[in-house]
N, C-alpha and C. Protein backbone atom coordinates (compact mmCIF):
# COMPACT_ATOMS: atom_id res chain seq x y z
N MET A 1 -29.45 -46.59 33.67
CA MET A 1 -28.38 -47.08 34.57
C MET A 1 -28.33 -48.44 34.45
N VAL A 2 -27.06 -48.96 34.17
CA VAL A 2 -26.95 -50.43 34.21
C VAL A 2 -27.16 -51.00 35.66
N GLY A 3 -27.95 -51.90 35.89
CA GLY A 3 -28.27 -52.42 37.33
C GLY A 3 -29.16 -51.75 38.15
N ALA A 4 -29.60 -50.73 37.77
CA ALA A 4 -30.67 -49.93 38.51
C ALA A 4 -31.84 -49.34 37.63
N TYR A 5 -32.97 -50.02 37.57
CA TYR A 5 -34.03 -49.48 36.80
C TYR A 5 -35.19 -48.95 37.78
N ALA A 6 -35.49 -47.80 37.38
CA ALA A 6 -36.53 -47.01 38.17
C ALA A 6 -37.61 -46.56 37.32
N TYR A 7 -38.91 -46.78 37.83
CA TYR A 7 -40.05 -46.28 37.15
C TYR A 7 -41.06 -46.14 38.15
N GLY A 8 -42.24 -45.70 37.42
CA GLY A 8 -43.35 -45.32 38.46
C GLY A 8 -44.45 -44.70 37.96
N THR A 9 -45.31 -44.14 38.62
CA THR A 9 -46.53 -43.45 38.16
C THR A 9 -46.81 -42.02 39.05
N ILE A 10 -47.49 -41.15 38.36
CA ILE A 10 -47.93 -40.12 39.11
C ILE A 10 -49.51 -39.81 38.87
N GLU A 11 -50.05 -39.34 40.34
CA GLU A 11 -51.41 -39.14 40.09
C GLU A 11 -51.73 -37.68 40.81
N VAL A 12 -52.48 -36.92 40.36
CA VAL A 12 -52.63 -35.63 41.09
C VAL A 12 -54.30 -35.58 41.16
N ASP A 13 -54.75 -35.24 42.45
CA ASP A 13 -56.07 -34.94 42.41
C ASP A 13 -56.07 -33.21 42.84
N ASN A 14 -57.33 -32.94 43.35
CA ASN A 14 -57.30 -31.44 43.65
C ASN A 14 -56.38 -30.88 44.72
N THR A 15 -55.80 -31.65 45.42
CA THR A 15 -55.03 -30.97 46.63
C THR A 15 -53.60 -31.57 46.82
N THR A 16 -53.53 -32.92 46.23
CA THR A 16 -52.37 -33.92 46.40
C THR A 16 -51.90 -34.39 45.23
N THR A 17 -50.46 -34.55 45.35
CA THR A 17 -49.63 -35.09 44.24
C THR A 17 -49.15 -36.34 44.77
N TYR A 18 -49.49 -37.61 44.11
CA TYR A 18 -48.83 -38.87 44.70
C TYR A 18 -48.03 -39.50 43.59
N VAL A 19 -46.83 -40.03 44.00
CA VAL A 19 -45.86 -40.52 42.92
C VAL A 19 -45.48 -41.95 43.73
N HIS A 20 -45.65 -42.84 42.84
CA HIS A 20 -45.38 -44.51 43.06
C HIS A 20 -44.06 -44.76 42.43
N VAL A 21 -43.21 -45.01 43.14
CA VAL A 21 -41.87 -45.09 42.66
C VAL A 21 -41.41 -46.80 42.85
N VAL A 22 -40.62 -47.31 41.78
CA VAL A 22 -40.31 -48.66 42.04
C VAL A 22 -38.70 -48.70 41.37
N ILE A 23 -38.06 -49.46 42.24
CA ILE A 23 -36.77 -49.53 41.82
C ILE A 23 -36.39 -51.03 41.72
N ARG A 24 -35.75 -51.55 40.43
CA ARG A 24 -35.48 -52.74 40.21
C ARG A 24 -33.98 -53.03 40.17
N ASP A 25 -33.48 -54.03 40.88
CA ASP A 25 -32.16 -54.49 40.66
C ASP A 25 -32.08 -55.26 39.25
N SER A 26 -31.66 -54.63 38.27
CA SER A 26 -31.83 -55.26 36.66
C SER A 26 -30.59 -56.12 36.23
N VAL A 27 -29.58 -56.38 37.04
CA VAL A 27 -28.57 -57.17 36.57
C VAL A 27 -27.96 -58.15 37.64
N SER A 28 -27.71 -59.31 37.17
CA SER A 28 -27.41 -60.55 38.25
C SER A 28 -25.93 -60.31 38.42
N ASP A 29 -25.37 -59.33 39.09
CA ASP A 29 -24.00 -59.11 39.39
C ASP A 29 -23.66 -59.10 40.84
N GLY A 30 -24.60 -59.16 41.74
CA GLY A 30 -24.51 -59.09 43.22
C GLY A 30 -24.46 -57.78 43.76
N ALA A 31 -24.53 -56.75 42.85
CA ALA A 31 -24.85 -55.21 43.15
C ALA A 31 -26.32 -55.12 43.41
N SER A 32 -26.65 -53.81 43.97
CA SER A 32 -28.00 -53.64 44.10
C SER A 32 -28.46 -52.31 43.31
N GLY A 33 -29.77 -52.18 43.23
CA GLY A 33 -30.11 -50.90 42.45
C GLY A 33 -30.91 -50.06 43.46
N ARG A 34 -30.62 -48.76 43.21
CA ARG A 34 -31.06 -47.70 44.18
C ARG A 34 -31.45 -46.62 43.55
N VAL A 35 -32.70 -46.04 44.20
CA VAL A 35 -33.18 -44.69 43.48
C VAL A 35 -33.24 -43.66 44.59
N TYR A 36 -32.99 -42.50 44.40
CA TYR A 36 -33.35 -41.34 45.31
C TYR A 36 -34.43 -40.51 44.66
N PHE A 37 -35.44 -40.15 45.55
CA PHE A 37 -36.52 -39.48 45.19
C PHE A 37 -36.53 -38.30 45.97
N ARG A 38 -36.73 -37.04 45.44
CA ARG A 38 -36.91 -35.91 46.17
C ARG A 38 -37.94 -34.86 45.41
N TRP A 39 -38.75 -34.20 46.35
CA TRP A 39 -39.60 -33.20 45.88
C TRP A 39 -38.94 -31.83 45.36
N ARG A 40 -39.42 -31.22 44.54
CA ARG A 40 -39.16 -29.94 44.03
C ARG A 40 -40.32 -28.91 44.40
N TYR A 41 -39.86 -27.84 45.13
CA TYR A 41 -40.95 -27.10 45.77
C TYR A 41 -41.02 -25.78 44.70
N ALA A 42 -42.22 -25.06 44.95
CA ALA A 42 -42.47 -23.86 43.94
C ALA A 42 -41.75 -22.69 44.28
N ASP A 43 -41.00 -22.73 45.49
CA ASP A 43 -39.94 -21.66 45.89
C ASP A 43 -38.57 -21.90 45.31
N GLY A 44 -38.44 -23.02 44.56
CA GLY A 44 -37.10 -23.62 44.06
C GLY A 44 -36.17 -24.42 45.10
N SER A 45 -36.70 -24.63 46.35
CA SER A 45 -36.02 -25.67 47.24
C SER A 45 -36.41 -27.02 46.73
N LYS A 46 -35.50 -27.95 47.44
CA LYS A 46 -35.86 -29.38 47.16
C LYS A 46 -35.89 -29.96 48.56
N SER A 47 -36.59 -31.31 48.76
CA SER A 47 -36.65 -31.95 49.84
C SER A 47 -35.42 -32.76 50.16
N VAL A 48 -35.39 -33.12 51.24
CA VAL A 48 -34.09 -34.16 51.65
C VAL A 48 -34.65 -35.52 50.80
N PRO A 49 -33.61 -36.14 50.11
CA PRO A 49 -33.90 -37.23 49.26
C PRO A 49 -34.47 -38.55 50.23
N SER A 50 -35.44 -39.23 49.73
CA SER A 50 -35.72 -40.52 50.12
C SER A 50 -34.94 -41.42 49.46
N ILE A 51 -34.70 -42.60 50.09
CA ILE A 51 -33.82 -43.68 49.27
C ILE A 51 -34.69 -44.95 49.52
N LEU A 52 -34.53 -45.73 48.19
CA LEU A 52 -35.28 -47.02 48.11
C LEU A 52 -34.26 -47.82 47.25
N THR A 53 -33.99 -48.98 47.90
CA THR A 53 -32.88 -49.87 47.49
C THR A 53 -33.51 -51.38 47.21
N ALA A 54 -33.07 -51.98 46.09
CA ALA A 54 -33.49 -53.24 45.73
C ALA A 54 -32.34 -54.27 45.47
N SER A 55 -32.24 -55.27 46.25
CA SER A 55 -31.09 -56.10 46.25
C SER A 55 -31.69 -57.67 45.55
N GLY A 56 -30.87 -58.13 44.70
CA GLY A 56 -31.25 -59.54 44.04
C GLY A 56 -31.78 -59.38 42.78
N TYR A 57 -31.25 -60.15 41.81
CA TYR A 57 -31.53 -59.85 40.57
C TYR A 57 -33.15 -59.90 40.26
N MET A 58 -33.79 -58.90 39.61
CA MET A 58 -35.07 -58.57 39.30
C MET A 58 -36.07 -58.30 40.48
N VAL A 59 -35.41 -58.19 41.87
CA VAL A 59 -36.09 -57.91 42.87
C VAL A 59 -36.48 -56.33 42.74
N GLU A 60 -37.84 -56.09 43.15
CA GLU A 60 -38.27 -54.63 43.07
C GLU A 60 -38.57 -54.29 44.44
N LYS A 61 -38.34 -53.01 44.70
CA LYS A 61 -39.03 -52.47 45.85
C LYS A 61 -39.87 -51.15 45.71
N SER A 62 -40.80 -50.81 46.29
CA SER A 62 -41.67 -49.77 45.75
C SER A 62 -42.08 -48.92 47.20
N GLU A 63 -42.60 -47.59 46.79
CA GLU A 63 -43.00 -46.75 47.72
C GLU A 63 -43.89 -45.84 47.07
N THR A 64 -44.72 -45.26 47.93
CA THR A 64 -45.54 -44.26 47.29
C THR A 64 -45.45 -42.82 48.22
N TYR A 65 -45.01 -41.84 47.66
CA TYR A 65 -44.70 -40.50 48.11
C TYR A 65 -45.90 -39.56 47.85
N TRP A 66 -46.52 -38.63 48.85
CA TRP A 66 -47.57 -37.66 48.67
C TRP A 66 -47.11 -36.47 49.20
N LYS A 67 -47.58 -35.36 48.43
CA LYS A 67 -47.43 -33.97 48.97
C LYS A 67 -48.52 -33.00 48.62
N ASP A 68 -48.83 -32.23 49.29
CA ASP A 68 -49.78 -31.13 48.92
C ASP A 68 -49.33 -30.37 47.73
N ARG A 69 -50.02 -30.53 46.72
CA ARG A 69 -49.51 -30.08 45.24
C ARG A 69 -49.43 -28.55 45.27
N ALA A 70 -49.97 -27.74 45.97
CA ALA A 70 -49.72 -26.19 46.01
C ALA A 70 -48.44 -25.87 46.41
N ALA A 71 -47.69 -26.73 47.24
CA ALA A 71 -46.36 -26.33 47.53
C ALA A 71 -45.35 -26.82 46.45
N LEU A 72 -45.76 -27.53 45.56
CA LEU A 72 -44.72 -28.10 44.47
C LEU A 72 -44.48 -27.40 43.27
N ASP A 73 -43.48 -27.48 42.64
CA ASP A 73 -43.13 -26.82 41.28
C ASP A 73 -44.31 -27.32 40.40
N SER A 74 -44.99 -26.58 39.78
CA SER A 74 -46.06 -26.92 38.87
C SER A 74 -45.71 -27.71 37.63
N TYR A 75 -44.35 -27.55 37.10
CA TYR A 75 -43.94 -28.25 35.88
C TYR A 75 -43.20 -29.59 36.17
N ASP A 76 -42.40 -29.51 37.17
CA ASP A 76 -41.52 -30.66 37.54
C ASP A 76 -41.61 -30.89 39.16
N PRO A 77 -42.55 -31.42 39.51
CA PRO A 77 -42.93 -31.75 40.98
C PRO A 77 -41.86 -32.56 41.86
N PHE A 78 -41.18 -33.48 41.05
CA PHE A 78 -40.17 -34.17 41.79
C PHE A 78 -39.09 -34.44 40.76
N GLU A 79 -37.88 -35.34 41.49
CA GLU A 79 -37.00 -35.71 40.50
C GLU A 79 -36.31 -37.00 41.14
N VAL A 80 -35.56 -37.77 40.31
CA VAL A 80 -35.10 -39.28 40.93
C VAL A 80 -33.73 -39.04 40.28
N LYS A 81 -33.05 -39.98 41.15
CA LYS A 81 -31.61 -40.53 40.58
C LYS A 81 -31.34 -41.78 40.87
N GLU A 82 -31.01 -42.76 39.78
CA GLU A 82 -30.71 -44.12 39.86
C GLU A 82 -29.23 -44.34 40.20
N VAL A 83 -29.01 -45.26 41.03
CA VAL A 83 -27.58 -45.53 41.42
C VAL A 83 -27.36 -47.16 41.61
N LYS A 84 -26.13 -47.52 41.31
CA LYS A 84 -25.83 -48.71 41.47
C LYS A 84 -25.13 -48.91 42.55
N VAL A 85 -25.16 -49.84 43.54
CA VAL A 85 -24.56 -50.05 44.86
C VAL A 85 -23.91 -51.31 44.97
N ASP A 86 -22.75 -51.55 45.35
CA ASP A 86 -22.02 -52.83 45.52
C ASP A 86 -21.31 -52.82 46.97
N ASP A 87 -21.64 -53.68 47.68
CA ASP A 87 -21.00 -53.78 49.04
C ASP A 87 -21.22 -52.50 49.73
N GLY A 88 -22.30 -51.94 49.78
CA GLY A 88 -22.77 -50.58 50.28
C GLY A 88 -22.24 -49.33 49.94
N GLU A 89 -21.41 -49.49 48.95
CA GLU A 89 -20.87 -48.36 48.30
C GLU A 89 -21.43 -47.99 46.91
N GLU A 90 -21.78 -46.87 46.74
CA GLU A 90 -22.25 -46.32 45.29
C GLU A 90 -21.17 -46.22 44.40
N VAL A 91 -21.33 -47.20 43.27
CA VAL A 91 -20.31 -47.54 42.42
C VAL A 91 -20.50 -46.79 40.92
N ASP A 92 -21.89 -46.38 40.82
CA ASP A 92 -22.24 -45.83 39.60
C ASP A 92 -23.45 -45.02 39.81
N SER A 93 -23.54 -43.87 39.09
CA SER A 93 -24.72 -43.00 39.65
C SER A 93 -24.95 -42.10 38.27
N GLY A 94 -26.25 -41.98 38.02
CA GLY A 94 -26.94 -41.13 37.17
C GLY A 94 -26.89 -39.69 37.56
N SER A 95 -27.52 -38.80 36.97
CA SER A 95 -27.82 -37.46 37.41
C SER A 95 -29.35 -37.45 37.80
N TRP A 96 -29.48 -36.33 38.74
CA TRP A 96 -30.85 -36.12 38.92
C TRP A 96 -31.63 -35.68 37.82
N ASP A 97 -32.80 -36.38 37.74
CA ASP A 97 -33.61 -36.36 36.41
C ASP A 97 -35.12 -35.86 36.68
N THR A 98 -35.62 -35.02 35.98
CA THR A 98 -37.08 -34.81 36.07
C THR A 98 -37.67 -35.62 35.05
N PRO A 99 -38.42 -36.46 35.16
CA PRO A 99 -39.06 -37.40 34.23
C PRO A 99 -40.11 -36.81 33.24
N PHE A 100 -40.41 -35.56 33.58
CA PHE A 100 -41.12 -34.86 32.34
C PHE A 100 -40.29 -34.46 31.25
N GLN A 101 -39.15 -34.20 31.48
CA GLN A 101 -38.42 -33.62 30.24
C GLN A 101 -37.79 -34.57 29.28
């Protein structure tokens, strides 16, 4: 997504899945970069999305999310969506994506 670049890491231990998410405002156009993060559960449901926004060229914001791994989808435990935000309005948006596909 032009203007929003999300990346991160995933770690899994015996009981917990940890996902560290970073969003970068990647274009010097006055708009912001945003990422939505949500868990995908084993029963097919999804969590309410968390929102992380970075404002200012090359500024990054990060957050670490964690959840009991037994509750999560074993193949795609989370998904993200990158969004460009200008004056508080979402002006361009990617699709929900599972990073492992």
